[in-house]
Amino acid sequence: MAIKPSKAVNIGIVVGKHVLDVYIHERDIHLQANNDADGIRKLLGRLNRYQVARIVVEATGRYERELAVAAFEKELPVIVVNPLHIRRYAGAISQLAKTYKIDAQVIAQYAAIIKPEARAQFGPEQRKIKDLLVRRRQSIEAVDEWRDKRSILESMPGIGEQAVYALLAELPELGQLNNKQVAALTGVAPYNRDSGSMRGKRRIRGGRHGVRTTLFMAVMCAVQHNPVIKSFYRRLVAAGKHKKIALTTCIRKMVIMLNAMIRDGKMWSENMA
C-alpha cells in the first residue's frame, strides 16, 4: 500500500458537464478528469493517495452530484459550497481572471484559507439519504409506496430521474403539507423584509437548498417542455417579472402541484393547474 504524504492537502474542483478541473493547493498540481463514472473513479483513486484535508466543489445543481456522492462513499471530506462564497472570496483577493484552471486554483485556495468544515457525523436523516443515494434504484423499487410516488413524480414533464430521487430522499414530507408549508420547506416561499414603517422587497430564504437547486434545474426544462409551466413563465415575464424571479415563482408552482399529485395519488394532467 502506498504511503500517503504526511502534509494534508486542500483540493478545489471546477465541475463542468464533461470535464473536472482539479487543483491541489499545497502541491501546485493541476489535473483534469472526465466527469463520468470511470473518470471520477480514477480521479478519486489518485486523490486518495494524499492526506486530504478537504475537497471543495462548487454547487452547480446537477453536474457535481455524481462526484460528491462517489467521494462521500469513499469517506473523503467533500464539501459542496455555494458559488457565491467563491465569487466573494475571489473578489476579496482581486482575482478577476477566469479560466477553469484559475477557478480551480481559487477554490483550492479558498479551501486552504477559509477551511470550510466537512460534516464528520450524520444523523438518521442524512444516513437515510446516503443509503438512498448508494442504492437508490433498488431501494425505490423495493418499496411500493416509493415506487408509486416515483411514477407520479415522473409523469410531470420536466421532472427527470435526478429530480425524482432528490425529492424522494430530501423531501419525504411531499404530499403531507399544505401549499405554504411545501413552498417554505423548499425555500421558495417569499418573505417580507419589513421593519416599522420600512417596506422591503419580498425575498425567499431558508428551506432545503438541495431540493431547491435540483428543482431549479428541473424548471429550466419545464419552461420549455411542460405546457402549464411554460405558459405560466411566459405570462410572468410578459408582466414584467425578472426572469430569475419568474423561474423561482415557477418552482413554487411546480412543487405545489407535485405535492398535490402525491397527496391525491394522481398522475400529471394539464387540467390540474
C-alpha atoms as a PDB file:
ATOM      1  CA  MET A   1       0.000   0.000   0.000  1.00  0.00           C
ATOM      2  CA  ALA A   2       1.350   3.425  -0.969  1.00  0.00           C
ATOM      3  CA  ILE A   3       2.210   5.723   1.952  1.00  0.00           C
ATOM      4  CA  LYS A   4       0.255   8.948   1.847  1.00  0.00           C
ATOM      5  CA  PRO A   5       2.247  12.200   2.094  1.00  0.00           C
ATOM      6  CA  SER A   6       2.079  13.463   5.679  1.00  0.00           C
ATOM      7  CA  LYS A   7       1.077  17.049   4.867  1.00  0.00           C
ATOM      8  CA  ALA A   8      -2.649  17.461   4.372  1.00  0.00           C
ATOM      9  CA  VAL A   9      -3.787  18.972   1.089  1.00  0.00           C
ATOM     10  CA  ASN A  10      -6.732  21.131   0.088  1.00  0.00           C
ATOM     11  CA  ILE A  11      -8.323  20.424  -3.277  1.00  0.00           C
ATOM     12  CA  GLY A  12     -10.537  22.633  -5.415  1.00  0.00           C
ATOM     13  CA  ILE A  13     -12.637  21.239  -8.260  1.00  0.00           C
ATOM     14  CA  VAL A  14     -14.427  23.096 -11.040  1.00  0.00           C
ATOM     15  CA  VAL A  15     -17.262  20.932 -12.315  1.00  0.00           C
ATOM     16  CA  GLY A  16     -18.163  21.048 -15.986  1.00  0.00           C
ATOM     17  CA  LYS A  17     -20.685  18.964 -17.842  1.00  0.00           C
ATOM     18  CA  HIS A  18     -17.965  16.737 -19.276  1.00  0.00           C
ATOM     19  CA  VAL A  19     -14.692  17.709 -17.552  1.00  0.00           C
ATOM     20  CA  LEU A  20     -13.472  18.187 -13.984  1.00  0.00           C
ATOM     21  CA  ASP A  21     -10.655  20.685 -13.415  1.00  0.00           C
ATOM     22  CA  VAL A  22      -8.790  19.867 -10.222  1.00  0.00           C
ATOM     23  CA  TYR A  23      -6.177  21.844  -8.305  1.00  0.00           C
ATOM     24  CA  ILE A  24      -4.178  20.566  -5.324  1.00  0.00           C
ATOM     25  CA  HIS A  25      -3.217  23.699  -3.409  1.00  0.00           C
ATOM     26  CA  GLU A  26      -0.233  22.518  -1.376  1.00  0.00           C
ATOM     27  CA  ARG A  27       1.322  20.656  -4.322  1.00  0.00           C
ATOM     28  CA  ASP A  28       0.614  23.255  -7.038  1.00  0.00           C
ATOM     29  CA  ILE A  29      -0.761  20.469  -9.217  1.00  0.00           C
ATOM     30  CA  HIS A  30      -3.487  20.893 -11.837  1.00  0.00           C
ATOM     31  CA  LEU A  31      -5.366  17.838 -13.079  1.00  0.00           C
ATOM     32  CA  GLN A  32      -8.241  17.138 -15.424  1.00  0.00           C
ATOM     33  CA  ALA A  33     -10.617  14.193 -15.431  1.00  0.00           C
ATOM     34  CA  ASN A  34     -13.712  13.167 -17.318  1.00  0.00           C
ATOM     35  CA  ASN A  35     -16.925  13.882 -15.422  1.00  0.00           C
ATOM     36  CA  ASP A  36     -18.269  10.372 -15.739  1.00  0.00           C
ATOM     37  CA  ALA A  37     -18.197   7.269 -13.557  1.00  0.00           C
ATOM     38  CA  ASP A  38     -14.864   5.994 -14.866  1.00  0.00           C
ATOM     39  CA  GLY A  39     -13.180   9.413 -14.795  1.00  0.00           C
ATOM     40  CA  ILE A  40     -14.416  10.099 -11.257  1.00  0.00           C
ATOM     41  CA  ARG A  41     -13.250   6.679 -10.064  1.00  0.00           C
ATOM     42  CA  LYS A  42      -9.745   7.246 -11.436  1.00  0.00           C
ATOM     43  CA  LEU A  43      -9.573  10.784 -10.061  1.00  0.00           C
ATOM     44  CA  LEU A  44     -10.620   9.781  -6.553  1.00  0.00           C
ATOM     45  CA  GLY A  45      -8.154   6.902  -6.660  1.00  0.00           C
ATOM     46  CA  ARG A  46      -5.380   9.392  -7.352  1.00  0.00           C
ATOM     47  CA  LEU A  47      -6.563  11.925  -4.769  1.00  0.00           C
ATOM     48  CA  ASN A  48      -6.815   9.174  -2.172  1.00  0.00           C
ATOM     49  CA  ARG A  49      -3.017   8.871  -2.300  1.00  0.00           C
ATOM     50  CA  TYR A  50      -2.847  12.151  -0.442  1.00  0.00           C
ATOM     51  CA  GLN A  51      -3.792  13.032   3.077  1.00  0.00           C
ATOM     52  CA  VAL A  52      -6.825  15.080   2.084  1.00  0.00           C
ATOM     53  CA  ALA A  53      -7.952  17.839   4.422  1.00  0.00           C
ATOM     54  CA  ARG A  54     -10.935  18.761   2.250  1.00  0.00           C
ATOM     55  CA  ILE A  55     -12.203  18.656  -1.326  1.00  0.00           C
ATOM     56  CA  VAL A  56     -14.236  21.739  -2.162  1.00  0.00           C
ATOM     57  CA  VAL A  57     -16.635  21.671  -5.098  1.00  0.00           C
ATOM     58  CA  GLU A  58     -18.900  24.464  -6.322  1.00  0.00           C
ATOM     59  CA  ALA A  59     -22.585  23.593  -6.395  1.00  0.00           C
ATOM     60  CA  THR A  60     -23.877  23.515  -9.964  1.00  0.00           C
ATOM     61  CA  GLY A  61     -27.195  21.933  -9.105  1.00  0.00           C
ATOM     62  CA  ARG A  62     -26.547  18.930 -11.269  1.00  0.00           C
ATOM     63  CA  TYR A  63     -23.118  18.084 -12.599  1.00  0.00           C
ATOM     64  CA  GLU A  64     -21.337  17.783  -9.234  1.00  0.00           C
ATOM     65  CA  ARG A  65     -23.754  15.211  -7.805  1.00  0.00           C
ATOM     66  CA  GLU A  66     -22.032  12.023  -9.039  1.00  0.00           C
ATOM     67  CA  LEU A  67     -18.618  13.299  -7.938  1.00  0.00           C
ATOM     68  CA  ALA A  68     -19.883  14.328  -4.493  1.00  0.00           C
ATOM     69  CA  VAL A  69     -21.655  11.026  -3.891  1.00  0.00           C
ATOM     70  CA  ALA A  70     -18.615   8.985  -5.017  1.00  0.00           C
ATOM     71  CA  ALA A  71     -16.278  10.992  -2.747  1.00  0.00           C
ATOM     72  CA  PHE A  72     -18.778  10.674   0.099  1.00  0.00           C
ATOM     73  CA  GLU A  73     -18.905   6.893  -0.330  1.00  0.00           C
ATOM     74  CA  LYS A  74     -15.086   6.739  -0.174  1.00  0.00           C
ATOM     75  CA  GLU A  75     -15.257   8.786   3.043  1.00  0.00           C
ATOM     76  CA  LEU A  76     -13.284  11.634   1.507  1.00  0.00           C
ATOM     77  CA  PRO A  77     -14.048  15.038   3.094  1.00  0.00           C
ATOM     78  CA  VAL A  78     -16.010  16.575   0.227  1.00  0.00           C
ATOM     79  CA  ILE A  79     -17.755  19.919   0.690  1.00  0.00           C
ATOM     80  CA  VAL A  80     -20.187  21.348  -1.854  1.00  0.00           C
ATOM     81  CA  VAL A  81     -20.220  25.127  -1.450  1.00  0.00           C
ATOM     82  CA  ASN A  82     -22.399  27.945  -2.698  1.00  0.00           C
ATOM     83  CA  PRO A  83     -20.717  29.526  -5.770  1.00  0.00           C
ATOM     84  CA  LEU A  84     -21.455  32.954  -4.284  1.00  0.00           C
ATOM     85  CA  HIS A  85     -18.979  32.260  -1.484  1.00  0.00           C
ATOM     86  CA  ILE A  86     -16.261  31.517  -4.012  1.00  0.00           C
ATOM     87  CA  ARG A  87     -17.058  34.635  -6.049  1.00  0.00           C
ATOM     88  CA  ARG A  88     -16.891  36.780  -2.931  1.00  0.00           C
ATOM     89  CA  TYR A  89     -13.561  35.242  -1.985  1.00  0.00           C
ATOM     90  CA  ALA A  90     -12.173  35.791  -5.495  1.00  0.00           C
ATOM     91  CA  GLY A  91     -13.296  39.423  -5.308  1.00  0.00           C
ATOM     92  CA  ALA A  92     -11.636  39.840  -1.913  1.00  0.00           C
ATOM     93  CA  ILE A  93      -8.286  38.707  -3.317  1.00  0.00           C
ATOM     94  CA  SER A  94      -8.808  40.707  -6.546  1.00  0.00           C
ATOM     95  CA  GLN A  95      -8.758  37.600  -8.718  1.00  0.00           C
ATOM     96  CA  LEU A  96     -10.523  38.788 -11.846  1.00  0.00           C
ATOM     97  CA  ALA A  97      -9.050  36.486 -14.498  1.00  0.00           C
ATOM     98  CA  LYS A  98     -11.132  33.409 -15.198  1.00  0.00           C
ATOM     99  CA  THR A  99     -10.111  30.108 -16.714  1.00  0.00           C
ATOM    100  CA  TYR A 100     -11.068  26.666 -15.471  1.00  0.00           C
ATOM    101  CA  LYS A 101      -7.557  26.179 -14.092  1.00  0.00           C
ATOM    102  CA  ILE A 102      -7.573  29.548 -12.315  1.00  0.00           C
ATOM    103  CA  ASP A 103     -11.049  28.916 -10.929  1.00  0.00           C
ATOM    104  CA  ALA A 104      -9.943  25.529  -9.548  1.00  0.00           C
ATOM    105  CA  GLN A 105      -6.903  27.217  -8.029  1.00  0.00           C
ATOM    106  CA  VAL A 106      -9.082  29.859  -6.351  1.00  0.00           C
ATOM    107  CA  ILE A 107     -11.408  27.187  -4.943  1.00  0.00           C
ATOM    108  CA  ALA A 108      -8.428  25.227  -3.580  1.00  0.00           C
ATOM    109  CA  GLN A 109      -7.033  28.403  -2.002  1.00  0.00           C
ATOM    110  CA  TYR A 110     -10.455  29.130  -0.521  1.00  0.00           C
ATOM    111  CA  ALA A 111     -10.404  25.615   0.946  1.00  0.00           C
ATOM    112  CA  ALA A 112      -6.961  26.144   2.480  1.00  0.00           C
ATOM    113  CA  ILE A 113      -7.592  29.649   3.867  1.00  0.00           C
ATOM    114  CA  ILE A 114     -11.264  29.556   4.868  1.00  0.00           C
ATOM    115  CA  LYS A 115     -11.237  25.879   5.871  1.00  0.00           C
ATOM    116  CA  PRO A 116     -14.941  25.070   5.454  1.00  0.00           C
ATOM    117  CA  GLU A 117     -15.828  22.033   7.519  1.00  0.00           C
ATOM    118  CA  ALA A 118     -16.997  18.743   6.110  1.00  0.00           C
ATOM    119  CA  ARG A 119     -19.692  17.058   8.133  1.00  0.00           C
ATOM    120  CA  ALA A 120     -17.996  14.265  10.028  1.00  0.00           C
ATOM    121  CA  GLN A 121     -21.135  12.846  11.616  1.00  0.00           C
ATOM    122  CA  PHE A 122     -24.504  12.049  10.130  1.00  0.00           C
ATOM    123  CA  GLY A 123     -27.877  11.889  11.782  1.00  0.00           C
ATOM    124  CA  PRO A 124     -30.659   9.425  10.912  1.00  0.00           C
ATOM    125  CA  GLU A 125     -31.993  11.509   8.004  1.00  0.00           C
ATOM    126  CA  GLN A 126     -28.525  12.015   6.493  1.00  0.00           C
ATOM    127  CA  ARG A 127     -27.784   8.295   6.778  1.00  0.00           C
ATOM    128  CA  LYS A 128     -31.110   7.568   5.116  1.00  0.00           C
ATOM    129  CA  ILE A 129     -30.234   9.909   2.249  1.00  0.00           C
ATOM    130  CA  LYS A 130     -26.754   8.380   1.899  1.00  0.00           C
ATOM    131  CA  ASP A 131     -28.257   4.911   1.772  1.00  0.00           C
ATOM    132  CA  LEU A 132     -30.751   6.034  -0.836  1.00  0.00           C
ATOM    133  CA  LEU A 133     -28.037   7.610  -2.967  1.00  0.00           C
ATOM    134  CA  VAL A 134     -25.964   4.421  -2.824  1.00  0.00           C
ATOM    135  CA  ARG A 135     -28.850   2.069  -3.510  1.00  0.00           C
ATOM    136  CA  ARG A 136     -31.474   4.466  -4.792  1.00  0.00           C
ATOM    137  CA  ARG A 137     -32.895   2.418  -7.619  1.00  0.00           C
ATOM    138  CA  GLN A 138     -33.003  -0.826  -5.580  1.00  0.00           C
ATOM    139  CA  SER A 139     -34.457   0.979  -2.523  1.00  0.00           C
ATOM    140  CA  ILE A 140     -37.251   2.679  -4.522  1.00  0.00           C
ATOM    141  CA  GLU A 141     -38.137  -0.455  -6.489  1.00  0.00           C
ATOM    142  CA  ALA A 142     -38.328  -2.454  -3.245  1.00  0.00           C
ATOM    143  CA  VAL A 143     -40.851  -0.156  -1.526  1.00  0.00           C
ATOM    144  CA  ASP A 144     -44.292   0.016  -3.078  1.00  0.00           C
ATOM    145  CA  GLU A 145     -45.029   3.482  -1.699  1.00  0.00           C
ATOM    146  CA  TRP A 146     -41.810   4.963  -3.135  1.00  0.00           C
ATOM    147  CA  ARG A 147     -42.306   3.177  -6.445  1.00  0.00           C
ATOM    148  CA  ASP A 148     -45.786   4.656  -6.748  1.00  0.00           C
ATOM    149  CA  LYS A 149     -44.532   8.128  -5.788  1.00  0.00           C
ATOM    150  CA  ARG A 150     -41.750   7.864  -8.360  1.00  0.00           C
ATOM    151  CA  SER A 151     -44.236   7.062 -11.104  1.00  0.00           C
ATOM    152  CA  ILE A 152     -46.402  10.024 -10.125  1.00  0.00           C
ATOM    153  CA  LEU A 153     -43.454  12.446  -9.982  1.00  0.00           C
ATOM    154  CA  GLU A 154     -42.037  11.240 -13.307  1.00  0.00           C
ATOM    155  CA  SER A 155     -45.369  11.870 -15.005  1.00  0.00           C
ATOM    156  CA  MET A 156     -44.846  15.657 -14.791  1.00  0.00           C
ATOM    157  CA  PRO A 157     -42.998  16.999 -17.870  1.00  0.00           C
ATOM    158  CA  GLY A 158     -39.691  18.499 -16.757  1.00  0.00           C
ATOM    159  CA  ILE A 159     -39.160  16.205 -13.764  1.00  0.00           C
ATOM    160  CA  GLY A 160     -36.331  13.822 -14.603  1.00  0.00           C
ATOM    161  CA  GLU A 161     -34.731  10.944 -12.751  1.00  0.00           C
ATOM    162  CA  GLN A 162     -32.343  13.073 -10.664  1.00  0.00           C
ATOM    163  CA  ALA A 163     -35.142  15.372  -9.529  1.00  0.00           C
ATOM    164  CA  VAL A 164     -37.300  12.392  -8.590  1.00  0.00           C
ATOM    165  CA  TYR A 165     -34.606  10.846  -6.395  1.00  0.00           C
ATOM    166  CA  ALA A 166     -33.782  14.204  -4.806  1.00  0.00           C
ATOM    167  CA  LEU A 167     -37.447  14.791  -3.939  1.00  0.00           C
ATOM    168  CA  LEU A 168     -37.930  11.294  -2.529  1.00  0.00           C
ATOM    169  CA  ALA A 169     -34.726  11.460  -0.478  1.00  0.00           C
ATOM    170  CA  GLU A 170     -34.727  15.072   0.672  1.00  0.00           C
ATOM    171  CA  LEU A 171     -38.420  15.979   0.772  1.00  0.00           C
ATOM    172  CA  PRO A 172     -40.164  12.885   2.193  1.00  0.00           C
ATOM    173  CA  GLU A 173     -42.968  15.100   3.539  1.00  0.00           C
ATOM    174  CA  LEU A 174     -44.202  15.691  -0.031  1.00  0.00           C
ATOM    175  CA  GLY A 175     -47.926  15.010  -0.191  1.00  0.00           C
ATOM    176  CA  GLN A 176     -48.480  15.703   3.521  1.00  0.00           C
ATOM    177  CA  LEU A 177     -48.172  19.501   3.505  1.00  0.00           C
ATOM    178  CA  ASN A 178     -50.306  22.463   2.535  1.00  0.00           C
ATOM    179  CA  ASN A 179     -49.228  24.892  -0.173  1.00  0.00           C
ATOM    180  CA  LYS A 180     -47.477  27.335   2.164  1.00  0.00           C
ATOM    181  CA  GLN A 181     -45.674  24.587   4.053  1.00  0.00           C
ATOM    182  CA  VAL A 182     -44.262  22.847   0.994  1.00  0.00           C
ATOM    183  CA  ALA A 183     -43.159  26.176  -0.518  1.00  0.00           C
ATOM    184  CA  ALA A 184     -41.425  27.145   2.737  1.00  0.00           C
ATOM    185  CA  LEU A 185     -39.739  23.760   3.130  1.00  0.00           C
ATOM    186  CA  THR A 186     -38.414  24.003  -0.425  1.00  0.00           C
ATOM    187  CA  GLY A 187     -37.229  27.552   0.228  1.00  0.00           C
ATOM    188  CA  VAL A 188     -39.350  29.278  -2.418  1.00  0.00           C
ATOM    189  CA  ALA A 189     -41.887  30.986  -0.164  1.00  0.00           C
ATOM    190  CA  PRO A 190     -41.476  34.797  -0.302  1.00  0.00           C
ATOM    191  CA  TYR A 191     -40.953  36.642   2.969  1.00  0.00           C
ATOM    192  CA  ASN A 192     -41.422  40.345   3.585  1.00  0.00           C
ATOM    193  CA  ARG A 193     -38.428  42.365   4.746  1.00  0.00           C
ATOM    194  CA  ASP A 194     -40.404  44.938   6.725  1.00  0.00           C
ATOM    195  CA  SER A 195     -39.375  46.860   9.816  1.00  0.00           C
ATOM    196  CA  GLY A 196     -41.547  49.582  11.342  1.00  0.00           C
ATOM    197  CA  SER A 197     -42.564  51.917   8.552  1.00  0.00           C
ATOM    198  CA  MET A 198     -39.942  50.437   6.183  1.00  0.00           C
ATOM    199  CA  ARG A 199     -41.150  48.115   3.495  1.00  0.00           C
ATOM    200  CA  GLY A 200     -38.584  45.898   1.818  1.00  0.00           C
ATOM    201  CA  LYS A 201     -38.680  43.561  -1.147  1.00  0.00           C
ATOM    202  CA  ARG A 202     -40.160  40.123  -0.721  1.00  0.00           C
ATOM    203  CA  ARG A 203     -37.381  37.528  -0.801  1.00  0.00           C
ATOM    204  CA  ILE A 204     -37.056  33.785  -0.437  1.00  0.00           C
ATOM    205  CA  ARG A 205     -34.917  32.313   2.311  1.00  0.00           C
ATOM    206  CA  GLY A 206     -34.220  29.088   4.150  1.00  0.00           C
ATOM    207  CA  GLY A 207     -35.636  25.779   3.057  1.00  0.00           C
ATOM    208  CA  ARG A 208     -33.728  22.764   1.799  1.00  0.00           C
ATOM    209  CA  HIS A 209     -31.061  24.014  -0.538  1.00  0.00           C
ATOM    210  CA  GLY A 210     -30.527  20.661  -2.284  1.00  0.00           C
ATOM    211  CA  VAL A 211     -34.186  20.357  -3.233  1.00  0.00           C
ATOM    212  CA  ARG A 212     -34.377  23.961  -4.437  1.00  0.00           C
ATOM    213  CA  THR A 213     -31.205  23.578  -6.520  1.00  0.00           C
ATOM    214  CA  THR A 214     -32.461  20.368  -8.119  1.00  0.00           C
ATOM    215  CA  LEU A 215     -35.840  21.919  -8.894  1.00  0.00           C
ATOM    216  CA  PHE A 216     -34.170  24.978 -10.392  1.00  0.00           C
ATOM    217  CA  MET A 217     -32.578  22.699 -12.993  1.00  0.00           C
ATOM    218  CA  ALA A 218     -35.900  20.920 -13.487  1.00  0.00           C
ATOM    219  CA  VAL A 219     -37.810  24.150 -14.021  1.00  0.00           C
ATOM    220  CA  MET A 220     -35.326  25.177 -16.740  1.00  0.00           C
ATOM    221  CA  CYS A 221     -36.517  22.109 -18.620  1.00  0.00           C
ATOM    222  CA  ALA A 222     -40.148  22.604 -17.649  1.00  0.00           C
ATOM    223  CA  VAL A 223     -40.381  26.144 -19.068  1.00  0.00           C
ATOM    224  CA  GLN A 224     -39.578  24.592 -22.438  1.00  0.00           C
ATOM    225  CA  HIS A 225     -41.457  21.294 -22.313  1.00  0.00           C
ATOM    226  CA  ASN A 226     -44.185  21.498 -19.689  1.00  0.00           C
ATOM    227  CA  PRO A 227     -47.140  23.348 -21.268  1.00  0.00           C
ATOM    228  CA  VAL A 228     -48.533  24.604 -17.936  1.00  0.00           C
ATOM    229  CA  ILE A 229     -45.217  25.836 -16.539  1.00  0.00           C
ATOM    230  CA  LYS A 230     -44.194  27.200 -19.943  1.00  0.00           C
ATOM    231  CA  SER A 231     -47.368  29.273 -20.241  1.00  0.00           C
ATOM    232  CA  PHE A 232     -47.138  30.431 -16.617  1.00  0.00           C
ATOM    233  CA  TYR A 233     -43.499  31.508 -17.057  1.00  0.00           C
ATOM    234  CA  ARG A 234     -44.262  33.451 -20.218  1.00  0.00           C
ATOM    235  CA  ARG A 235     -47.126  35.289 -18.517  1.00  0.00           C
ATOM    236  CA  LEU A 236     -44.852  36.289 -15.632  1.00  0.00           C
ATOM    237  CA  VAL A 237     -42.130  37.579 -17.946  1.00  0.00           C
ATOM    238  CA  ALA A 238     -44.671  39.407 -20.103  1.00  0.00           C
ATOM    239  CA  ALA A 239     -45.983  41.071 -16.936  1.00  0.00           C
ATOM    240  CA  GLY A 240     -42.526  42.472 -16.265  1.00  0.00           C
ATOM    241  CA  LYS A 241     -41.132  39.925 -13.806  1.00  0.00           C
ATOM    242  CA  HIS A 242     -37.363  39.455 -13.829  1.00  0.00           C
ATOM    243  CA  LYS A 243     -36.560  36.055 -15.356  1.00  0.00           C
ATOM    244  CA  LYS A 244     -34.896  34.729 -12.196  1.00  0.00           C
ATOM    245  CA  ILE A 245     -37.904  35.743 -10.107  1.00  0.00           C
ATOM    246  CA  ALA A 246     -40.210  34.185 -12.692  1.00  0.00           C
ATOM    247  CA  LEU A 247     -38.257  30.921 -12.504  1.00  0.00           C
ATOM    248  CA  THR A 248     -38.458  30.916  -8.696  1.00  0.00           C
ATOM    249  CA  THR A 249     -42.210  31.501  -8.911  1.00  0.00           C
ATOM    250  CA  CYS A 250     -42.444  28.595 -11.355  1.00  0.00           C
ATOM    251  CA  ILE A 251     -40.554  26.359  -8.911  1.00  0.00           C
ATOM    252  CA  ARG A 252     -43.109  27.268  -6.252  1.00  0.00           C
ATOM    253  CA  LYS A 253     -45.977  26.406  -8.612  1.00  0.00           C
ATOM    254  CA  MET A 254     -44.235  23.173  -9.624  1.00  0.00           C
ATOM    255  CA  VAL A 255     -43.618  21.920  -6.082  1.00  0.00           C
ATOM    256  CA  ILE A 256     -47.174  22.808  -5.024  1.00  0.00           C
ATOM    257  CA  MET A 257     -48.511  20.812  -7.965  1.00  0.00           C
ATOM    258  CA  LEU A 258     -46.198  17.865  -7.169  1.00  0.00           C
ATOM    259  CA  ASN A 259     -47.344  17.954  -3.552  1.00  0.00           C
ATOM    260  CA  ALA A 260     -50.985  17.810  -4.686  1.00  0.00           C
ATOM    261  CA  MET A 261     -50.248  14.953  -7.102  1.00  0.00           C
ATOM    262  CA  ILE A 262     -48.658  12.844  -4.361  1.00  0.00           C
ATOM    263  CA  ARG A 263     -51.396  13.770  -1.858  1.00  0.00           C
ATOM    264  CA  ASP A 264     -54.178  12.765  -4.254  1.00  0.00           C
ATOM    265  CA  GLY A 265     -52.339   9.866  -5.884  1.00  0.00           C
ATOM    266  CA  LYS A 266     -52.883  11.364  -9.341  1.00  0.00           C
ATOM    267  CA  MET A 267     -50.672  11.423 -12.400  1.00  0.00           C
ATOM    268  CA  TRP A 268     -49.838  14.665 -14.201  1.00  0.00           C
ATOM    269  CA  SER A 269     -52.608  16.364 -16.134  1.00  0.00           C
ATOM    270  CA  GLU A 270     -52.674  19.774 -17.766  1.00  0.00           C
ATOM    271  CA  ASN A 271     -56.160  20.254 -16.320  1.00  0.00           C
ATOM    272  CA  MET A 272     -54.911  20.187 -12.725  1.00  0.00           C
ATOM    273  CA  ALA A 273     -53.133  23.578 -12.965  1.00  0.00           C
END
